[in-house]
Amino acid sequence: MNNLIKLELPDFWASPLINGDESALDDIDVETLDKFTDYMLDKFGSCHCVDVAPELDFKRWHDASEFGVLACDVATFTFVI
């Protein structure tokens, strides 16, 4: 049975995580996203995003803070793990 996890992540990660399109990211954003996906793969064995809630909220602390992402607009991302 698949489990779901919801994380508050930078809204600009939506396209790369849903569509695999990193074209709007700069090198630093790609590097931090890579750290996050490596973490997800190591911890859960998967990094399959299935939904992004459309509501945005500006937050200083969010689930990507530990990967070096500063305060930004975040959305709630749902992953199958």
N, C-alpha and C. Protein backbone atom coordinates (compact mmCIF):
# COMPACT_ATOMS: atom_id res chain seq x y z
N MET A 1 0.85 -1.19 0.00
CA MET A 1 0.00 0.00 0.00
C MET A 1 0.89 1.25 0.00
N ASN A 2 0.55 2.21 -0.83
CA ASN A 2 1.30 3.46 -0.91
C ASN A 2 0.88 4.40 0.21
N ASN A 3 1.85 5.09 0.76
CA ASN A 3 1.61 6.13 1.75
C ASN A 3 1.87 7.47 1.11
N LEU A 4 1.23 8.49 1.66
CA LEU A 4 1.43 9.84 1.17
C LEU A 4 2.10 10.68 2.24
N ILE A 5 2.93 11.61 1.81
CA ILE A 5 3.56 12.56 2.71
C ILE A 5 3.35 13.94 2.11
N LYS A 6 3.03 14.91 2.95
CA LYS A 6 2.84 16.29 2.50
C LYS A 6 3.96 17.14 3.08
N LEU A 7 4.58 17.94 2.21
CA LEU A 7 5.69 18.80 2.62
C LEU A 7 5.45 20.21 2.09
N GLU A 8 5.86 21.20 2.88
CA GLU A 8 5.81 22.58 2.42
C GLU A 8 7.15 22.90 1.77
N LEU A 9 7.12 23.11 0.46
CA LEU A 9 8.34 23.31 -0.33
C LEU A 9 8.21 24.56 -1.19
N PRO A 10 9.33 25.09 -1.68
CA PRO A 10 9.28 26.29 -2.53
C PRO A 10 8.36 26.08 -3.74
N ASP A 11 7.56 27.08 -4.01
CA ASP A 11 6.62 26.97 -5.13
C ASP A 11 7.34 26.80 -6.46
N PHE A 12 8.57 27.33 -6.57
CA PHE A 12 9.30 27.22 -7.84
C PHE A 12 9.87 25.82 -8.09
N TRP A 13 9.67 24.92 -7.15
CA TRP A 13 10.03 23.52 -7.36
C TRP A 13 8.89 22.73 -8.00
N ALA A 14 7.74 23.34 -8.19
CA ALA A 14 6.58 22.62 -8.72
C ALA A 14 6.85 22.04 -10.11
N SER A 15 7.33 22.85 -11.02
CA SER A 15 7.56 22.36 -12.38
C SER A 15 8.62 21.25 -12.43
N PRO A 16 9.74 21.42 -11.73
CA PRO A 16 10.71 20.32 -11.77
C PRO A 16 10.19 19.03 -11.13
N LEU A 17 9.47 19.15 -10.03
CA LEU A 17 9.01 17.95 -9.33
C LEU A 17 7.83 17.27 -10.02
N ILE A 18 6.97 18.04 -10.66
CA ILE A 18 5.81 17.46 -11.35
C ILE A 18 6.14 17.09 -12.80
N ASN A 19 6.81 18.01 -13.50
CA ASN A 19 7.05 17.83 -14.94
C ASN A 19 8.49 17.50 -15.32
N GLY A 20 9.40 17.54 -14.35
CA GLY A 20 10.81 17.30 -14.66
C GLY A 20 11.46 18.44 -15.43
N ASP A 21 10.88 19.63 -15.39
CA ASP A 21 11.38 20.79 -16.14
C ASP A 21 12.12 21.74 -15.21
N GLU A 22 13.45 21.72 -15.29
CA GLU A 22 14.28 22.59 -14.45
C GLU A 22 14.70 23.87 -15.17
N SER A 23 14.15 24.15 -16.33
CA SER A 23 14.62 25.27 -17.15
C SER A 23 14.48 26.63 -16.49
N ALA A 24 13.57 26.80 -15.55
CA ALA A 24 13.38 28.10 -14.90
C ALA A 24 14.27 28.26 -13.66
N LEU A 25 15.02 27.23 -13.30
CA LEU A 25 15.86 27.28 -12.11
C LEU A 25 17.28 27.70 -12.45
N ASP A 26 17.90 28.45 -11.52
CA ASP A 26 19.33 28.75 -11.70
C ASP A 26 20.14 27.60 -11.11
N ASP A 27 21.44 27.68 -11.22
CA ASP A 27 22.31 26.58 -10.79
C ASP A 27 22.17 26.27 -9.30
N ILE A 28 22.04 27.31 -8.48
CA ILE A 28 21.89 27.10 -7.02
C ILE A 28 20.58 26.41 -6.72
N ASP A 29 19.50 26.81 -7.40
CA ASP A 29 18.20 26.17 -7.18
C ASP A 29 18.23 24.70 -7.59
N VAL A 30 18.91 24.39 -8.68
CA VAL A 30 19.04 23.00 -9.12
C VAL A 30 19.83 22.20 -8.09
N GLU A 31 20.88 22.80 -7.56
CA GLU A 31 21.70 22.12 -6.55
C GLU A 31 20.89 21.80 -5.29
N THR A 32 20.09 22.76 -4.82
CA THR A 32 19.29 22.50 -3.61
C THR A 32 18.18 21.50 -3.90
N LEU A 33 17.60 21.56 -5.07
CA LEU A 33 16.59 20.57 -5.44
C LEU A 33 17.20 19.17 -5.51
N ASP A 34 18.40 19.08 -6.04
CA ASP A 34 19.09 17.79 -6.09
C ASP A 34 19.35 17.25 -4.68
N LYS A 35 19.73 18.12 -3.75
CA LYS A 35 19.92 17.69 -2.35
C LYS A 35 18.62 17.13 -1.78
N PHE A 36 17.52 17.82 -2.07
CA PHE A 36 16.22 17.37 -1.58
C PHE A 36 15.84 16.02 -2.17
N THR A 37 15.99 15.87 -3.49
CA THR A 37 15.59 14.60 -4.11
C THR A 37 16.48 13.46 -3.63
N ASP A 38 17.78 13.72 -3.42
CA ASP A 38 18.67 12.70 -2.86
C ASP A 38 18.20 12.29 -1.47
N TYR A 39 17.82 13.27 -0.66
CA TYR A 39 17.30 12.98 0.68
C TYR A 39 16.05 12.11 0.61
N MET A 40 15.12 12.47 -0.27
CA MET A 40 13.87 11.70 -0.40
C MET A 40 14.17 10.26 -0.84
N LEU A 41 15.07 10.11 -1.79
CA LEU A 41 15.43 8.77 -2.26
C LEU A 41 16.10 7.95 -1.15
N ASP A 42 16.98 8.58 -0.38
CA ASP A 42 17.65 7.88 0.71
C ASP A 42 16.68 7.51 1.83
N LYS A 43 15.79 8.44 2.18
CA LYS A 43 14.89 8.21 3.32
C LYS A 43 13.69 7.34 2.97
N PHE A 44 13.10 7.57 1.78
CA PHE A 44 11.85 6.89 1.43
C PHE A 44 11.96 5.95 0.23
N GLY A 45 13.06 6.04 -0.50
CA GLY A 45 13.22 5.22 -1.68
C GLY A 45 12.44 5.73 -2.88
N SER A 46 11.90 6.94 -2.76
CA SER A 46 11.08 7.51 -3.82
C SER A 46 11.03 9.03 -3.68
N CYS A 47 10.83 9.70 -4.80
CA CYS A 47 10.60 11.15 -4.79
C CYS A 47 9.57 11.46 -5.87
N HIS A 48 8.41 10.81 -5.74
CA HIS A 48 7.36 10.91 -6.75
C HIS A 48 6.28 11.89 -6.28
N CYS A 49 6.32 13.13 -6.78
CA CYS A 49 5.34 14.15 -6.42
C CYS A 49 4.08 13.95 -7.25
N VAL A 50 2.93 13.87 -6.57
CA VAL A 50 1.67 13.62 -7.27
C VAL A 50 0.70 14.80 -7.22
N ASP A 51 1.01 15.81 -6.40
CA ASP A 51 0.08 16.94 -6.31
C ASP A 51 0.80 18.14 -5.69
N VAL A 52 0.37 19.32 -6.11
CA VAL A 52 0.81 20.57 -5.50
C VAL A 52 -0.43 21.41 -5.25
N ALA A 53 -0.65 21.77 -4.00
CA ALA A 53 -1.81 22.62 -3.68
C ALA A 53 -1.59 24.01 -4.25
N PRO A 54 -2.64 24.64 -4.78
CA PRO A 54 -2.47 25.93 -5.44
C PRO A 54 -2.27 27.11 -4.48
N GLU A 55 -2.55 26.93 -3.19
CA GLU A 55 -2.41 28.03 -2.24
C GLU A 55 -0.94 28.23 -1.89
N LEU A 56 -0.52 29.49 -1.90
CA LEU A 56 0.86 29.84 -1.56
C LEU A 56 0.89 30.60 -0.25
N ASP A 57 1.99 30.44 0.47
CA ASP A 57 2.17 31.13 1.74
C ASP A 57 3.64 31.45 1.87
N PHE A 58 3.98 32.69 2.17
CA PHE A 58 5.38 33.08 2.34
C PHE A 58 5.84 32.61 3.72
N LYS A 59 6.93 31.84 3.77
CA LYS A 59 7.42 31.31 5.04
C LYS A 59 8.94 31.40 5.11
N ARG A 60 9.40 31.72 6.29
CA ARG A 60 10.83 31.72 6.53
C ARG A 60 11.34 30.30 6.73
N TRP A 61 10.59 29.49 7.47
CA TRP A 61 10.97 28.11 7.75
C TRP A 61 10.00 27.17 7.06
N HIS A 62 10.53 26.22 6.33
CA HIS A 62 9.73 25.27 5.58
C HIS A 62 10.53 23.98 5.45
N ASP A 63 9.99 22.99 4.78
CA ASP A 63 10.64 21.68 4.70
C ASP A 63 11.87 21.64 3.81
N ALA A 64 12.17 22.72 3.11
CA ALA A 64 13.38 22.77 2.29
C ALA A 64 14.46 23.65 2.92
N SER A 65 14.19 24.20 4.09
CA SER A 65 15.16 25.07 4.76
C SER A 65 16.48 24.36 5.01
N GLU A 66 16.41 23.10 5.41
CA GLU A 66 17.64 22.36 5.73
C GLU A 66 18.51 22.09 4.51
N PHE A 67 17.97 22.33 3.32
CA PHE A 67 18.74 22.12 2.09
C PHE A 67 19.30 23.43 1.55
N GLY A 68 19.11 24.52 2.29
CA GLY A 68 19.70 25.81 1.93
C GLY A 68 18.75 26.77 1.25
N VAL A 69 17.46 26.45 1.18
CA VAL A 69 16.50 27.36 0.56
C VAL A 69 16.06 28.39 1.60
N LEU A 70 16.19 29.66 1.25
CA LEU A 70 15.82 30.74 2.15
C LEU A 70 14.31 30.96 2.14
N ALA A 71 13.86 31.95 2.88
CA ALA A 71 12.44 32.30 2.94
C ALA A 71 11.90 32.50 1.53
N CYS A 72 10.69 31.97 1.29
CA CYS A 72 10.10 32.08 -0.05
C CYS A 72 8.62 31.69 0.03
N ASP A 73 7.93 31.84 -1.09
CA ASP A 73 6.57 31.34 -1.19
C ASP A 73 6.63 29.83 -1.24
N VAL A 74 5.81 29.18 -0.41
CA VAL A 74 5.79 27.72 -0.40
C VAL A 74 4.38 27.23 -0.73
N ALA A 75 4.34 26.03 -1.24
CA ALA A 75 3.08 25.32 -1.52
C ALA A 75 3.18 23.97 -0.83
N THR A 76 2.04 23.30 -0.69
CA THR A 76 2.04 21.98 -0.10
C THR A 76 2.13 20.95 -1.23
N PHE A 77 3.20 20.17 -1.20
CA PHE A 77 3.48 19.12 -2.19
C PHE A 77 3.13 17.78 -1.57
N THR A 78 2.49 16.91 -2.34
CA THR A 78 2.16 15.56 -1.88
C THR A 78 3.00 14.56 -2.65
N PHE A 79 3.65 13.67 -1.91
CA PHE A 79 4.50 12.63 -2.49
C PHE A 79 3.98 11.26 -2.12
N VAL A 80 4.10 10.32 -3.05
CA VAL A 80 3.82 8.91 -2.77
C VAL A 80 5.14 8.32 -2.27
N ILE A 81 5.08 7.68 -1.11
CA ILE A 81 6.30 7.03 -0.59
C ILE A 81 6.02 5.57 -0.28
